[in-house]
Each structure stands twice: as C-alpha cells, then as structure tokens.
Amino acid sequence: MAKPMIANQIRTLRFMAGEMTQAELGERIGVTRQTIAAIEAGKYSPTLEAAFRIAHVFGKPLDDVFQWEG
C-alpha cells in the first residue's frame, strides 16, 4: 500500500511572496528552517496548526497551500 502524501505549494508561494526564504517563513510561524524544508519537500506532514499558520502567512485558504494525494 502506497503511503499517502500531502503535496504543497509552499515553494511557489514563497517565490511569489518576494522570494521569502525558508528561514523567514519558519520564523513567522514559529518553526525552524529545517522544518519548513522538510514540509516543503514532502518528507514531513505539518501539524494542523502549522498548516493553518503557513496558509495564513500567504493569505490563502488551506487547500490552496496543501493538497491530499491519498
């Protein structure tokens, strides 16, 4: 059985937000750059709170940032 994935648009949204760095995004939501890198790469699923915080930073609905690929 294949492992379900949560895809995301974080890299694109960071670029569109004036090339925001992973560190800047992490600082804004209270996590490390490494955590943002892992979420962005699909190696780690964010907590629900972190997912909402990321969406809020970009002013987007949650499903514009994250997509379930089950």
C-alpha atoms as a PDB file:
ATOM      1  CA  MET A   1       0.000   0.000   0.000  1.00  0.00           C
ATOM      2  CA  ALA A   2       1.477   3.341  -1.059  1.00  0.00           C
ATOM      3  CA  LYS A   3       1.989   5.940   1.636  1.00  0.00           C
ATOM      4  CA  PRO A   4      -0.446   8.878   1.293  1.00  0.00           C
ATOM      5  CA  MET A   5       1.200  12.218   0.592  1.00  0.00           C
ATOM      6  CA  ILE A   6       0.364  15.779   1.374  1.00  0.00           C
ATOM      7  CA  ALA A   7       1.571  17.881  -1.533  1.00  0.00           C
ATOM      8  CA  ASN A   8       2.110  21.597  -1.094  1.00  0.00           C
ATOM      9  CA  GLN A   9       2.693  24.836  -2.950  1.00  0.00           C
ATOM     10  CA  ILE A  10       4.999  26.388  -0.332  1.00  0.00           C
ATOM     11  CA  ARG A  11       7.999  26.848  -2.632  1.00  0.00           C
ATOM     12  CA  THR A  12       5.856  28.619  -5.253  1.00  0.00           C
ATOM     13  CA  LEU A  13       4.130  30.772  -2.648  1.00  0.00           C
ATOM     14  CA  ARG A  14       7.469  31.750  -1.083  1.00  0.00           C
ATOM     15  CA  PHE A  15       8.764  32.802  -4.514  1.00  0.00           C
ATOM     16  CA  MET A  16       5.600  34.823  -5.187  1.00  0.00           C
ATOM     17  CA  ALA A  17       5.956  36.497  -1.773  1.00  0.00           C
ATOM     18  CA  GLY A  18       9.140  38.311  -2.759  1.00  0.00           C
ATOM     19  CA  GLU A  19      11.308  35.184  -2.636  1.00  0.00           C
ATOM     20  CA  MET A  20      10.711  34.648   1.083  1.00  0.00           C
ATOM     21  CA  THR A  21      13.306  32.248   2.487  1.00  0.00           C
ATOM     22  CA  GLN A  22      12.511  29.049   4.351  1.00  0.00           C
ATOM     23  CA  ALA A  23      14.055  30.650   7.433  1.00  0.00           C
ATOM     24  CA  GLU A  24      11.786  33.714   7.149  1.00  0.00           C
ATOM     25  CA  LEU A  25       8.688  31.543   6.826  1.00  0.00           C
ATOM     26  CA  GLY A  26       9.810  29.382   9.745  1.00  0.00           C
ATOM     27  CA  GLU A  27      10.339  32.455  11.898  1.00  0.00           C
ATOM     28  CA  ARG A  28       6.870  33.772  11.037  1.00  0.00           C
ATOM     29  CA  ILE A  29       5.128  30.555  12.073  1.00  0.00           C
ATOM     30  CA  GLY A  30       7.425  29.535  14.950  1.00  0.00           C
ATOM     31  CA  VAL A  31       9.336  26.576  13.494  1.00  0.00           C
ATOM     32  CA  THR A  32      12.885  26.043  12.230  1.00  0.00           C
ATOM     33  CA  ARG A  33      14.085  26.440   8.644  1.00  0.00           C
ATOM     34  CA  GLN A  34      14.748  22.691   8.644  1.00  0.00           C
ATOM     35  CA  THR A  35      11.096  22.006   9.475  1.00  0.00           C
ATOM     36  CA  ILE A  36       9.942  24.217   6.594  1.00  0.00           C
ATOM     37  CA  ALA A  37      12.410  22.467   4.259  1.00  0.00           C
ATOM     38  CA  ALA A  38      11.092  19.035   5.300  1.00  0.00           C
ATOM     39  CA  ILE A  39       7.434  20.080   4.893  1.00  0.00           C
ATOM     40  CA  GLU A  40       8.178  21.690   1.525  1.00  0.00           C
ATOM     41  CA  ALA A  41       9.976  18.546   0.307  1.00  0.00           C
ATOM     42  CA  GLY A  42       7.070  16.330   1.381  1.00  0.00           C
ATOM     43  CA  LYS A  43       9.245  14.463   3.915  1.00  0.00           C
ATOM     44  CA  TYR A  44       7.190  15.652   6.863  1.00  0.00           C
ATOM     45  CA  SER A  45       3.495  16.459   7.249  1.00  0.00           C
ATOM     46  CA  PRO A  46       2.897  19.660   9.188  1.00  0.00           C
ATOM     47  CA  THR A  47       0.723  19.758  12.272  1.00  0.00           C
ATOM     48  CA  LEU A  48      -2.720  21.156  11.618  1.00  0.00           C
ATOM     49  CA  GLU A  49      -1.724  24.329  13.476  1.00  0.00           C
ATOM     50  CA  ALA A  50       1.444  24.763  11.378  1.00  0.00           C
ATOM     51  CA  ALA A  51      -0.513  24.178   8.164  1.00  0.00           C
ATOM     52  CA  PHE A  52      -3.039  26.882   9.094  1.00  0.00           C
ATOM     53  CA  ARG A  53      -0.252  29.267  10.112  1.00  0.00           C
ATOM     54  CA  ILE A  54       1.538  28.754   6.772  1.00  0.00           C
ATOM     55  CA  ALA A  55      -1.693  29.360   4.838  1.00  0.00           C
ATOM     56  CA  HIS A  56      -2.325  32.499   6.912  1.00  0.00           C
ATOM     57  CA  VAL A  57       1.143  33.919   6.151  1.00  0.00           C
ATOM     58  CA  PHE A  58       0.354  33.723   2.436  1.00  0.00           C
ATOM     59  CA  GLY A  59      -3.266  34.855   2.822  1.00  0.00           C
ATOM     60  CA  LYS A  60      -4.503  31.659   1.172  1.00  0.00           C
ATOM     61  CA  PRO A  61      -7.097  29.042   2.069  1.00  0.00           C
ATOM     62  CA  LEU A  62      -5.578  25.829   3.417  1.00  0.00           C
ATOM     63  CA  ASP A  63      -6.422  23.855   0.268  1.00  0.00           C
ATOM     64  CA  ASP A  64      -4.566  26.375  -1.917  1.00  0.00           C
ATOM     65  CA  VAL A  65      -1.406  25.550   0.027  1.00  0.00           C
ATOM     66  CA  PHE A  66      -1.805  21.831   0.787  1.00  0.00           C
ATOM     67  CA  GLN A  67      -3.345  19.047  -1.285  1.00  0.00           C
ATOM     68  CA  TRP A  68      -4.123  15.499  -0.170  1.00  0.00           C
ATOM     69  CA  GLU A  69      -2.784  12.912  -2.602  1.00  0.00           C
ATOM     70  CA  GLY A  70      -4.036   9.738  -0.939  1.00  0.00           C
END
